[in-house]
């Protein structure tokens, strides 16, 4: 199923994923896709990245599934891996976006009476 977003939501998605920043657009898209995959969205081939640093993957997974469990140590591990405050903020935004958008998609499917993953 293809989800149609309002113009405001689409503008938000594009701003988070494509605006200039400390992280490149590819990383932001991979982070968003990974977080969304935690909620059941399939990851498109061009958004899979086996080179995603382990610290980033662990952080993204925690945000997507248990954001309330994120602690200072999680952020510090990204600092130790060489990420700046701005880069960590961007990664956090992209992970939260992916997790939130997939929940929106599931909600829209529920309203329409569709099952998750059904086309």
N, C-alpha and C. Protein backbone atom coordinates (compact mmCIF):
# COMPACT_ATOMS: atom_id res chain seq x y z
N UNK A 1 0.84 -1.18 0.00
CA UNK A 1 0.00 0.00 0.00
C UNK A 1 0.89 1.24 0.00
N UNK A 2 0.54 2.18 -0.81
CA UNK A 2 1.26 3.44 -0.85
C UNK A 2 0.50 4.44 0.01
N UNK A 3 1.20 5.01 0.95
CA UNK A 3 0.58 6.00 1.85
C UNK A 3 0.72 7.38 1.22
N UNK A 4 -0.37 8.11 1.21
CA UNK A 4 -0.35 9.49 0.74
C UNK A 4 -0.26 10.41 1.96
N UNK A 5 0.78 11.21 2.01
CA UNK A 5 0.97 12.14 3.12
C UNK A 5 0.43 13.51 2.73
N UNK A 6 0.03 14.27 3.74
CA UNK A 6 -0.36 15.65 3.47
C UNK A 6 0.90 16.40 3.03
N UNK A 7 0.70 17.54 2.43
CA UNK A 7 1.84 18.35 1.98
C UNK A 7 2.73 18.73 3.16
N UNK A 8 2.13 19.03 4.31
CA UNK A 8 2.91 19.41 5.48
C UNK A 8 3.79 18.26 5.96
N UNK A 9 3.24 17.06 5.99
CA UNK A 9 4.03 15.91 6.43
C UNK A 9 5.14 15.61 5.43
N UNK A 10 4.83 15.67 4.16
CA UNK A 10 5.85 15.43 3.14
C UNK A 10 6.96 16.48 3.23
N UNK A 11 6.60 17.71 3.48
CA UNK A 11 7.59 18.78 3.62
C UNK A 11 8.47 18.52 4.84
N UNK A 12 7.89 18.06 5.94
CA UNK A 12 8.66 17.73 7.14
C UNK A 12 9.64 16.60 6.85
N UNK A 13 9.17 15.55 6.21
CA UNK A 13 10.03 14.41 5.87
C UNK A 13 11.21 14.87 5.02
N UNK A 14 10.94 15.62 3.99
CA UNK A 14 12.01 16.08 3.10
C UNK A 14 12.98 17.01 3.82
N UNK A 15 12.46 17.88 4.68
CA UNK A 15 13.34 18.80 5.41
C UNK A 15 14.30 18.03 6.32
N UNK A 16 13.78 17.04 7.03
CA UNK A 16 14.64 16.27 7.94
C UNK A 16 15.67 15.47 7.15
N UNK A 17 15.26 14.88 6.06
CA UNK A 17 16.15 13.98 5.34
C UNK A 17 17.10 14.66 4.37
N UNK A 18 16.76 15.85 3.88
CA UNK A 18 17.57 16.44 2.81
C UNK A 18 18.22 17.78 3.13
N UNK A 19 17.87 18.40 4.25
CA UNK A 19 18.47 19.69 4.58
C UNK A 19 19.97 19.53 4.84
N UNK A 20 20.74 20.57 4.56
CA UNK A 20 22.18 20.49 4.86
C UNK A 20 22.39 20.25 6.36
N UNK A 21 23.42 19.50 6.66
CA UNK A 21 23.70 19.21 8.07
C UNK A 21 25.05 18.54 8.23
N UNK A 22 25.32 18.08 9.45
CA UNK A 22 26.58 17.40 9.74
C UNK A 22 26.61 15.97 9.20
N UNK A 23 25.44 15.37 9.02
CA UNK A 23 25.37 14.02 8.46
C UNK A 23 24.95 14.12 7.00
N UNK A 24 25.39 13.16 6.21
CA UNK A 24 24.99 13.22 4.81
C UNK A 24 23.59 12.63 4.64
N UNK A 25 22.98 12.98 3.53
CA UNK A 25 21.61 12.57 3.25
C UNK A 25 21.47 11.06 3.24
N UNK A 26 22.45 10.36 2.71
CA UNK A 26 22.37 8.89 2.66
C UNK A 26 22.26 8.29 4.06
N UNK A 27 23.08 8.76 5.00
CA UNK A 27 23.01 8.26 6.36
C UNK A 27 21.65 8.56 6.97
N UNK A 28 21.15 9.77 6.75
CA UNK A 28 19.84 10.12 7.31
C UNK A 28 18.74 9.24 6.76
N UNK A 29 18.79 8.94 5.47
CA UNK A 29 17.77 8.07 4.87
C UNK A 29 17.88 6.64 5.39
N UNK A 30 19.09 6.15 5.57
CA UNK A 30 19.30 4.80 6.11
C UNK A 30 18.79 4.73 7.55
N UNK A 31 19.08 5.74 8.34
CA UNK A 31 18.61 5.78 9.73
C UNK A 31 17.09 5.80 9.78
N UNK A 32 16.46 6.63 8.97
CA UNK A 32 15.00 6.71 8.95
C UNK A 32 14.41 5.36 8.56
N UNK A 33 14.97 4.73 7.52
CA UNK A 33 14.46 3.44 7.05
C UNK A 33 14.63 2.35 8.11
N UNK A 34 15.76 2.35 8.79
CA UNK A 34 15.99 1.33 9.83
C UNK A 34 14.99 1.49 10.97
N UNK A 35 14.76 2.72 11.39
CA UNK A 35 13.79 2.95 12.46
C UNK A 35 12.39 2.54 12.02
N UNK A 36 12.03 2.85 10.80
CA UNK A 36 10.71 2.47 10.28
C UNK A 36 10.58 0.96 10.17
N UNK A 37 11.68 0.29 9.84
CA UNK A 37 11.66 -1.17 9.72
C UNK A 37 11.32 -1.82 11.06
N UNK A 38 11.70 -1.17 12.16
CA UNK A 38 11.37 -1.70 13.48
C UNK A 38 9.86 -1.76 13.68
N UNK A 39 9.13 -0.91 12.97
CA UNK A 39 7.68 -0.88 13.06
C UNK A 39 6.99 -1.67 11.97
N UNK A 40 7.78 -2.35 11.13
CA UNK A 40 7.18 -3.23 10.14
C UNK A 40 7.32 -2.82 8.69
N UNK A 41 7.88 -1.63 8.41
CA UNK A 41 8.04 -1.24 7.01
C UNK A 41 9.25 -1.98 6.43
N UNK A 42 9.10 -2.49 5.22
CA UNK A 42 10.21 -3.15 4.54
C UNK A 42 11.25 -2.09 4.17
N UNK A 43 12.51 -2.46 4.28
CA UNK A 43 13.59 -1.54 3.90
C UNK A 43 13.86 -1.72 2.42
N UNK A 44 13.77 -0.63 1.68
CA UNK A 44 14.07 -0.67 0.26
C UNK A 44 15.56 -0.93 0.07
N UNK A 45 15.89 -1.62 -1.02
CA UNK A 45 17.28 -2.02 -1.27
C UNK A 45 18.24 -0.84 -1.23
N UNK A 46 17.85 0.31 -1.75
CA UNK A 46 18.76 1.46 -1.79
C UNK A 46 18.92 2.13 -0.43
N UNK A 47 18.13 1.71 0.57
CA UNK A 47 18.24 2.30 1.90
C UNK A 47 18.86 1.32 2.90
N UNK A 48 19.31 0.18 2.41
CA UNK A 48 20.02 -0.76 3.27
C UNK A 48 21.49 -0.37 3.27
N UNK A 49 22.11 -0.46 4.40
CA UNK A 49 23.50 -0.07 4.49
C UNK A 49 24.22 -0.96 5.49
N UNK A 50 24.89 -1.99 5.00
CA UNK A 50 25.61 -2.86 5.93
C UNK A 50 26.77 -2.15 6.62
N UNK A 51 27.15 -0.96 6.14
CA UNK A 51 28.25 -0.21 6.72
C UNK A 51 27.83 0.74 7.83
N UNK A 52 26.57 0.70 8.24
CA UNK A 52 26.11 1.57 9.32
C UNK A 52 26.89 1.24 10.59
N UNK A 53 27.56 2.22 11.19
CA UNK A 53 28.34 1.94 12.40
C UNK A 53 27.47 1.27 13.47
N UNK A 54 28.04 0.30 14.17
CA UNK A 54 27.30 -0.46 15.18
C UNK A 54 26.68 0.45 16.23
N UNK A 55 27.42 1.49 16.65
CA UNK A 55 26.90 2.41 17.66
C UNK A 55 25.64 3.12 17.17
N UNK A 56 25.64 3.49 15.89
CA UNK A 56 24.49 4.17 15.31
C UNK A 56 23.31 3.21 15.23
N UNK A 57 23.55 2.01 14.76
CA UNK A 57 22.48 1.02 14.65
C UNK A 57 21.83 0.72 15.99
N UNK A 58 22.64 0.56 17.01
CA UNK A 58 22.13 0.28 18.35
C UNK A 58 21.29 1.46 18.85
N UNK A 59 21.78 2.66 18.64
CA UNK A 59 21.08 3.88 19.06
C UNK A 59 19.75 4.03 18.33
N UNK A 60 19.76 3.83 17.02
CA UNK A 60 18.55 3.95 16.21
C UNK A 60 17.51 2.92 16.66
N UNK A 61 17.94 1.69 16.88
CA UNK A 61 17.02 0.65 17.31
C UNK A 61 16.39 1.00 18.66
N UNK A 62 17.19 1.57 19.55
CA UNK A 62 16.67 1.93 20.87
C UNK A 62 15.64 3.05 20.74
N UNK A 63 15.92 4.03 19.92
CA UNK A 63 14.97 5.13 19.72
C UNK A 63 13.68 4.60 19.11
N UNK A 64 13.80 3.74 18.14
CA UNK A 64 12.62 3.23 17.43
C UNK A 64 11.72 2.37 18.33
N UNK A 65 12.33 1.59 19.20
CA UNK A 65 11.54 0.64 19.99
C UNK A 65 11.35 1.04 21.45
N UNK A 66 12.31 1.74 22.02
CA UNK A 66 12.25 2.06 23.45
C UNK A 66 12.89 3.42 23.72
N UNK A 67 12.38 4.46 23.12
CA UNK A 67 13.00 5.78 23.24
C UNK A 67 13.14 6.22 24.70
N UNK A 68 12.24 5.81 25.53
CA UNK A 68 12.29 6.19 26.94
C UNK A 68 13.49 5.60 27.67
N UNK A 69 14.16 4.65 27.05
CA UNK A 69 15.34 4.02 27.66
C UNK A 69 16.67 4.66 27.24
N UNK A 70 16.62 5.63 26.36
CA UNK A 70 17.85 6.29 25.93
C UNK A 70 18.43 7.07 27.11
N UNK A 71 19.71 6.85 27.35
CA UNK A 71 20.40 7.49 28.48
C UNK A 71 21.64 8.21 27.96
N UNK A 72 22.26 8.97 28.83
CA UNK A 72 23.45 9.73 28.47
C UNK A 72 24.53 8.84 27.86
N UNK A 73 24.66 7.63 28.37
CA UNK A 73 25.68 6.71 27.86
C UNK A 73 25.49 6.36 26.40
N UNK A 74 24.24 6.33 25.94
CA UNK A 74 23.98 6.05 24.53
C UNK A 74 24.52 7.18 23.65
N UNK A 75 24.29 8.40 24.09
CA UNK A 75 24.78 9.56 23.36
C UNK A 75 26.30 9.62 23.44
N UNK A 76 26.85 9.33 24.60
CA UNK A 76 28.31 9.33 24.77
C UNK A 76 28.99 8.32 23.86
N UNK A 77 28.35 7.17 23.63
CA UNK A 77 28.96 6.17 22.73
C UNK A 77 29.06 6.72 21.32
N UNK A 78 28.10 7.54 20.92
CA UNK A 78 28.18 8.17 19.59
C UNK A 78 29.27 9.24 19.57
N UNK A 79 29.40 9.98 20.67
CA UNK A 79 30.51 10.95 20.76
C UNK A 79 31.84 10.24 20.62
N UNK A 80 32.02 9.13 21.35
CA UNK A 80 33.28 8.39 21.29
C UNK A 80 33.53 7.83 19.90
N UNK A 81 32.47 7.57 19.16
CA UNK A 81 32.61 7.06 17.79
C UNK A 81 32.92 8.19 16.80
N UNK A 82 32.97 9.44 17.30
CA UNK A 82 33.36 10.56 16.46
C UNK A 82 32.24 11.43 15.94
N UNK A 83 31.03 11.23 16.44
CA UNK A 83 29.90 12.03 15.98
C UNK A 83 29.78 13.31 16.81
N UNK A 84 29.51 14.42 16.13
CA UNK A 84 29.34 15.71 16.80
C UNK A 84 27.94 15.78 17.43
N UNK A 85 27.75 16.80 18.26
CA UNK A 85 26.42 17.04 18.85
C UNK A 85 25.37 17.21 17.75
N UNK A 86 25.71 17.98 16.72
CA UNK A 86 24.77 18.22 15.63
C UNK A 86 24.45 16.92 14.88
N UNK A 87 25.46 16.11 14.64
CA UNK A 87 25.24 14.83 13.95
C UNK A 87 24.35 13.92 14.78
N UNK A 88 24.58 13.88 16.07
CA UNK A 88 23.75 13.04 16.95
C UNK A 88 22.31 13.54 16.95
N UNK A 89 22.15 14.85 16.97
CA UNK A 89 20.80 15.42 16.89
C UNK A 89 20.11 15.01 15.59
N UNK A 90 20.83 15.09 14.47
CA UNK A 90 20.25 14.72 13.18
C UNK A 90 19.90 13.24 13.14
N UNK A 91 20.77 12.39 13.67
CA UNK A 91 20.50 10.95 13.72
C UNK A 91 19.25 10.70 14.57
N UNK A 92 19.15 11.40 15.69
CA UNK A 92 18.00 11.25 16.57
C UNK A 92 16.71 11.66 15.86
N UNK A 93 16.75 12.79 15.17
CA UNK A 93 15.57 13.25 14.43
C UNK A 93 15.15 12.24 13.37
N UNK A 94 16.11 11.71 12.64
CA UNK A 94 15.78 10.76 11.57
C UNK A 94 15.22 9.46 12.12
N UNK A 95 15.77 9.01 13.24
CA UNK A 95 15.25 7.79 13.86
C UNK A 95 13.84 8.02 14.39
N UNK A 96 13.62 9.15 15.03
CA UNK A 96 12.29 9.47 15.54
C UNK A 96 11.30 9.64 14.38
N UNK A 97 11.74 10.25 13.30
CA UNK A 97 10.89 10.40 12.13
C UNK A 97 10.48 9.04 11.58
N UNK A 98 11.44 8.15 11.40
CA UNK A 98 11.12 6.82 10.87
C UNK A 98 10.15 6.08 11.75
N UNK A 99 10.39 6.12 13.07
CA UNK A 99 9.50 5.44 14.01
C UNK A 99 8.11 6.06 14.01
N UNK A 100 8.05 7.38 13.96
CA UNK A 100 6.76 8.06 13.98
C UNK A 100 5.97 7.89 12.69
N UNK A 101 6.65 7.99 11.57
CA UNK A 101 5.95 7.87 10.28
C UNK A 101 5.40 6.47 10.09
N UNK A 102 6.15 5.44 10.48
CA UNK A 102 5.62 4.09 10.31
C UNK A 102 4.40 3.87 11.20
N UNK A 103 4.38 4.51 12.36
CA UNK A 103 3.19 4.42 13.21
C UNK A 103 2.01 5.14 12.57
N UNK A 104 2.28 6.27 11.93
CA UNK A 104 1.24 6.97 11.18
C UNK A 104 0.70 6.08 10.06
N UNK A 105 1.60 5.43 9.34
CA UNK A 105 1.19 4.53 8.26
C UNK A 105 0.30 3.41 8.79
N UNK A 106 0.70 2.81 9.90
CA UNK A 106 -0.08 1.73 10.49
C UNK A 106 -1.45 2.24 10.95
N UNK A 107 -1.49 3.43 11.50
CA UNK A 107 -2.75 4.03 11.91
C UNK A 107 -3.67 4.27 10.72
N UNK A 108 -3.11 4.77 9.63
CA UNK A 108 -3.91 4.99 8.43
C UNK A 108 -4.45 3.67 7.88
N UNK A 109 -3.61 2.63 7.92
CA UNK A 109 -4.07 1.32 7.47
C UNK A 109 -5.20 0.81 8.36
N UNK A 110 -5.08 1.01 9.66
CA UNK A 110 -6.11 0.54 10.59
C UNK A 110 -7.43 1.24 10.34
N UNK A 111 -7.36 2.54 10.09
CA UNK A 111 -8.58 3.30 9.81
C UNK A 111 -9.24 2.79 8.54
N UNK A 112 -8.44 2.40 7.57
CA UNK A 112 -8.97 1.89 6.31
C UNK A 112 -9.31 0.40 6.38
N UNK A 113 -9.04 -0.22 7.52
CA UNK A 113 -9.36 -1.63 7.70
C UNK A 113 -8.38 -2.58 7.07
N UNK A 114 -7.16 -2.12 6.83
CA UNK A 114 -6.14 -2.97 6.20
C UNK A 114 -5.25 -3.55 7.27
N UNK A 115 -4.63 -4.66 6.95
CA UNK A 115 -3.68 -5.28 7.85
C UNK A 115 -2.28 -4.73 7.56
N UNK A 116 -1.44 -4.71 8.59
CA UNK A 116 -0.05 -4.28 8.42
C UNK A 116 0.63 -5.17 7.42
N UNK A 117 1.34 -4.56 6.49
CA UNK A 117 2.09 -5.31 5.49
C UNK A 117 1.26 -5.70 4.28
N UNK A 118 -0.05 -5.48 4.31
CA UNK A 118 -0.90 -5.83 3.17
C UNK A 118 -0.78 -4.75 2.11
N UNK A 119 -0.80 -5.16 0.86
CA UNK A 119 -0.72 -4.20 -0.23
C UNK A 119 -2.07 -3.90 -0.79
